[in-house]
Amino acid sequence: MLMFSEAKFRFAHSVFIDESFQLPEARKPETYYLLCAVKLPKESTNFVRHRVLEISGKETWHSTDLLKTNSGRDLILEMCQLISQTCEPLVFVKQPISKSDRLGEQARANLFRLLLQDPQLNKNTQENSLVYEKRLPGIQANADLRVIQDAHRLGLIGSSTDIRPRYKSEEPLLWLADTVASAYRQFHTARNSEYWNILSKNAQTKWATD
């Protein structure tokens, strides 16, 4: 049974964030880090969550595994259609990753800061809710927390912006961001535009410059 909150959203927009990466330690020709977000109005979160669960038919979702079968690829296409109809996708890209940034933590921090201050996701005049996939306790979780604390301290995000980590098993709307990440990765590295073509109509891609 899924354990996600049924509490009503009281925020102007809800944003859900996931990542994808190819790190220097993998010794592949291309390295990159992606932070992918979907933004949707608060009024539609319950409806969209219901549709996500209908499409999946399961209590889990991971696009990388679904890409391995025809039936899984069909589900990804259906999820992309849902995203294109209900959400605004944004992709934040850092490429290449410095060889010294072996685990990609510096690239992630740079992208997280870029995302948090992006006007498409954070408007001080509104109470937005941002949910990102919870990472491992300790170094990873603390690194994300430092970025969020610094953003608040520097006034890059409004005091009313609610930011919190969640596991994908707790919040199925994170599966939308997972799908965006997979669609962009397929387009960018595997030269397969089938999924990204659906999302690109209302998606934005932003590149980190440092």
Protein backbone atom coordinates (compact mmCIF):
# COMPACT_ATOMS: atom_id res chain seq x y z
CA MET A 1 0.00 0.00 0.00
CA LEU A 2 1.34 3.42 -0.95
CA MET A 3 2.21 5.67 1.96
CA PHE A 4 1.87 9.20 0.57
CA SER A 5 0.17 12.19 2.14
CA GLU A 6 -3.44 12.84 1.19
CA ALA A 7 -3.33 16.34 2.67
CA LYS A 8 -4.66 19.03 0.35
CA PHE A 9 -2.10 21.34 -1.23
CA ARG A 10 -2.59 24.97 -0.30
CA PHE A 11 0.19 26.27 -2.54
CA ALA A 12 -0.12 28.19 -5.79
CA HIS A 13 1.98 25.59 -7.58
CA SER A 14 3.49 22.26 -6.65
CA VAL A 15 6.85 21.27 -8.09
CA PHE A 16 8.35 17.77 -8.15
CA ILE A 17 12.05 17.17 -8.82
CA ASP A 18 14.18 14.16 -9.78
CA GLU A 19 17.67 13.67 -11.18
CA SER A 20 19.64 11.67 -13.70
CA PHE A 21 23.40 11.59 -14.22
CA GLN A 22 26.42 10.03 -15.86
CA LEU A 23 29.37 10.53 -13.50
CA PRO A 24 33.10 10.74 -14.25
CA GLU A 25 33.72 7.55 -12.29
CA ALA A 26 31.68 5.62 -14.87
CA ARG A 27 34.40 6.35 -17.46
CA LYS A 28 31.90 6.99 -20.24
CA PRO A 29 32.57 9.44 -23.12
CA GLU A 30 29.90 11.88 -21.91
CA THR A 31 29.29 13.06 -18.37
CA TYR A 32 26.26 15.06 -17.30
CA TYR A 33 23.95 15.83 -14.40
CA LEU A 34 20.25 16.59 -14.86
CA LEU A 35 17.75 18.00 -12.41
CA CYS A 36 14.28 17.68 -13.87
CA ALA A 37 11.16 19.35 -12.54
CA VAL A 38 7.47 19.34 -13.29
CA LYS A 39 5.24 22.19 -12.13
CA LEU A 40 1.49 21.91 -11.83
CA PRO A 41 -1.26 24.01 -10.25
CA LYS A 42 -2.32 23.06 -6.75
CA GLU A 43 -5.87 22.41 -7.92
CA SER A 44 -4.77 19.57 -10.18
CA THR A 45 -2.42 17.62 -7.90
CA ASN A 46 -4.99 15.11 -6.64
CA PHE A 47 -6.34 14.47 -10.14
CA VAL A 48 -2.86 14.07 -11.65
CA ARG A 49 -1.71 11.79 -8.83
CA HIS A 50 -4.76 9.59 -9.48
CA ARG A 51 -3.92 9.42 -13.19
CA VAL A 52 -0.26 8.59 -12.46
CA LEU A 53 -1.35 5.61 -10.38
CA GLU A 54 -3.82 4.54 -13.05
CA ILE A 55 -1.16 4.59 -15.75
CA SER A 56 1.40 2.75 -13.66
CA GLY A 57 -0.95 0.10 -12.35
CA LYS A 58 1.66 -0.57 -9.68
CA GLU A 59 3.06 0.97 -6.52
CA THR A 60 6.46 1.72 -8.08
CA TRP A 61 7.80 3.43 -11.17
CA HIS A 62 11.26 3.65 -12.64
CA SER A 63 11.60 4.64 -16.26
CA THR A 64 15.00 2.99 -16.70
CA ASP A 65 13.47 -0.41 -16.02
CA LEU A 66 10.37 0.30 -18.12
CA LEU A 67 12.51 1.13 -21.16
CA LYS A 68 13.57 -2.53 -21.30
CA THR A 69 10.16 -3.85 -22.48
CA ASN A 70 7.61 -2.90 -25.12
CA SER A 71 4.85 -2.67 -22.54
CA GLY A 72 7.04 -0.47 -20.35
CA ARG A 73 7.83 1.87 -23.23
CA ASP A 74 4.12 2.20 -23.93
CA LEU A 75 3.57 3.25 -20.30
CA ILE A 76 6.28 5.89 -20.61
CA LEU A 77 4.59 7.28 -23.71
CA GLU A 78 1.29 7.45 -21.82
CA MET A 79 2.97 9.18 -18.88
CA CYS A 80 4.59 11.68 -21.25
CA GLN A 81 1.17 12.49 -22.68
CA LEU A 82 -0.15 13.12 -19.18
CA ILE A 83 2.78 15.43 -18.41
CA SER A 84 2.32 17.39 -21.63
CA GLN A 85 -1.35 17.91 -20.83
CA THR A 86 -1.09 18.83 -17.15
CA CYS A 87 2.44 20.01 -16.26
CA GLU A 88 5.25 22.36 -17.19
CA PRO A 89 8.49 20.37 -17.48
CA LEU A 90 11.87 22.01 -16.86
CA VAL A 91 15.29 20.41 -17.30
CA PHE A 92 18.44 21.85 -15.73
CA VAL A 93 21.64 20.50 -17.27
CA LYS A 94 25.30 20.49 -16.25
CA GLN A 95 27.57 19.02 -18.93
CA PRO A 96 30.29 18.00 -18.77
CA ILE A 97 30.96 17.27 -15.12
CA SER A 98 34.46 18.15 -13.93
CA LYS A 99 36.69 15.09 -13.57
CA SER A 100 37.44 16.19 -10.01
CA ASP A 101 33.70 16.09 -9.20
CA ARG A 102 33.81 12.30 -9.08
CA LEU A 103 30.39 11.81 -7.45
CA GLY A 104 28.69 14.78 -9.09
CA GLU A 105 27.91 16.56 -5.83
CA GLN A 106 29.25 19.91 -7.00
CA ALA A 107 27.27 19.67 -10.25
CA ARG A 108 24.12 18.80 -8.32
CA ALA A 109 24.58 21.71 -5.91
CA ASN A 110 25.05 24.14 -8.79
CA LEU A 111 21.92 22.87 -10.53
CA PHE A 112 19.89 22.85 -7.31
CA ARG A 113 20.76 26.51 -6.71
CA LEU A 114 19.87 27.36 -10.30
CA LEU A 115 16.56 25.54 -9.97
CA LEU A 116 15.62 27.09 -6.64
CA GLN A 117 16.01 30.65 -7.90
CA ASP A 118 14.43 30.06 -11.30
CA PRO A 119 11.46 32.40 -11.81
CA GLN A 120 9.44 29.64 -13.44
CA LEU A 121 9.49 27.67 -10.19
CA ASN A 122 9.94 30.20 -7.44
CA LYS A 123 7.93 33.40 -7.27
CA ASN A 124 8.10 35.28 -4.00
CA THR A 125 4.54 36.45 -4.49
CA GLN A 126 3.24 32.89 -4.29
CA GLU A 127 3.45 30.00 -1.85
CA ASN A 128 5.02 27.23 -3.86
CA SER A 129 5.69 23.70 -2.71
CA LEU A 130 8.82 21.91 -3.95
CA VAL A 131 9.30 18.19 -3.40
CA TYR A 132 12.55 16.47 -4.40
CA GLU A 133 13.53 12.82 -4.18
CA LYS A 134 15.02 12.03 -0.79
CA ARG A 135 18.63 10.89 -0.97
CA LEU A 136 20.79 8.83 1.38
CA PRO A 137 21.02 10.13 4.96
CA GLY A 138 24.30 11.78 5.84
CA ILE A 139 26.52 13.36 3.19
CA GLN A 140 24.00 13.45 0.36
CA ALA A 141 21.00 14.63 2.39
CA ASN A 142 23.11 17.21 4.22
CA ALA A 143 24.47 18.60 0.95
CA ASP A 144 20.94 19.26 -0.31
CA LEU A 145 19.98 20.83 3.01
CA ARG A 146 22.94 23.24 2.85
CA VAL A 147 21.90 24.42 -0.61
CA ILE A 148 18.35 25.05 0.59
CA GLN A 149 19.52 26.86 3.74
CA ASP A 150 21.90 29.05 1.73
CA ALA A 151 19.15 29.90 -0.76
CA HIS A 152 16.88 31.02 2.09
CA ARG A 153 19.70 32.99 3.74
CA LEU A 154 20.57 34.81 0.51
CA GLY A 155 16.93 35.58 -0.24
CA LEU A 156 16.98 33.55 -3.45
CA ILE A 157 13.71 31.88 -2.50
CA GLY A 158 10.75 33.23 -0.61
CA SER A 159 10.21 32.42 3.04
CA SER A 160 6.81 30.97 2.14
CA THR A 161 8.31 28.38 -0.23
CA ASP A 162 7.98 24.92 1.28
CA ILE A 163 10.78 22.53 0.25
CA ARG A 164 10.94 18.95 1.44
CA PRO A 165 12.40 15.57 0.43
CA ARG A 166 10.21 12.53 -0.21
CA TYR A 167 10.83 8.98 -1.36
CA LYS A 168 9.19 8.00 -4.63
CA SER A 169 7.20 5.40 -2.72
CA GLU A 170 5.73 8.23 -0.65
CA GLU A 171 4.86 10.59 -3.51
CA PRO A 172 3.88 9.22 -6.93
CA LEU A 173 4.05 12.68 -8.49
CA LEU A 174 7.83 12.31 -8.34
CA TRP A 175 7.35 9.66 -11.02
CA LEU A 176 6.52 12.47 -13.44
CA ALA A 177 9.92 14.07 -12.88
CA ASP A 178 11.53 10.63 -13.27
CA THR A 179 9.80 10.32 -16.65
CA VAL A 180 11.00 13.76 -17.77
CA ALA A 181 14.56 12.84 -16.79
CA SER A 182 14.36 9.59 -18.74
CA ALA A 183 12.82 11.26 -21.79
CA TYR A 184 15.53 13.92 -21.91
CA ARG A 185 18.30 11.39 -21.31
CA GLN A 186 17.03 9.25 -24.18
CA PHE A 187 16.90 12.30 -26.42
CA HIS A 188 20.30 13.66 -25.41
CA THR A 189 22.44 10.52 -25.08
CA ALA A 190 20.63 7.74 -26.94
CA ARG A 191 19.42 9.96 -29.79
CA ASN A 192 15.87 8.72 -29.25
CA SER A 193 13.46 11.66 -29.45
CA GLU A 194 10.22 9.65 -29.25
CA TYR A 195 9.47 10.66 -25.66
CA TRP A 196 11.02 14.12 -25.60
CA ASN A 197 9.06 15.16 -28.69
CA ILE A 198 5.89 14.84 -26.63
CA LEU A 199 7.26 16.94 -23.77
CA SER A 200 9.24 19.53 -25.73
CA LYS A 201 6.14 21.47 -26.77
CA ASN A 202 5.90 23.12 -23.34
CA ALA A 203 9.25 22.17 -21.79
CA GLN A 204 12.22 24.41 -21.04
CA THR A 205 15.88 23.39 -20.88
CA LYS A 206 18.39 25.47 -18.93
CA TRP A 207 22.14 24.92 -18.81
CA ALA A 208 24.45 25.64 -15.90
CA THR A 209 27.34 27.85 -16.98
CA ASP A 210 29.72 27.32 -14.05
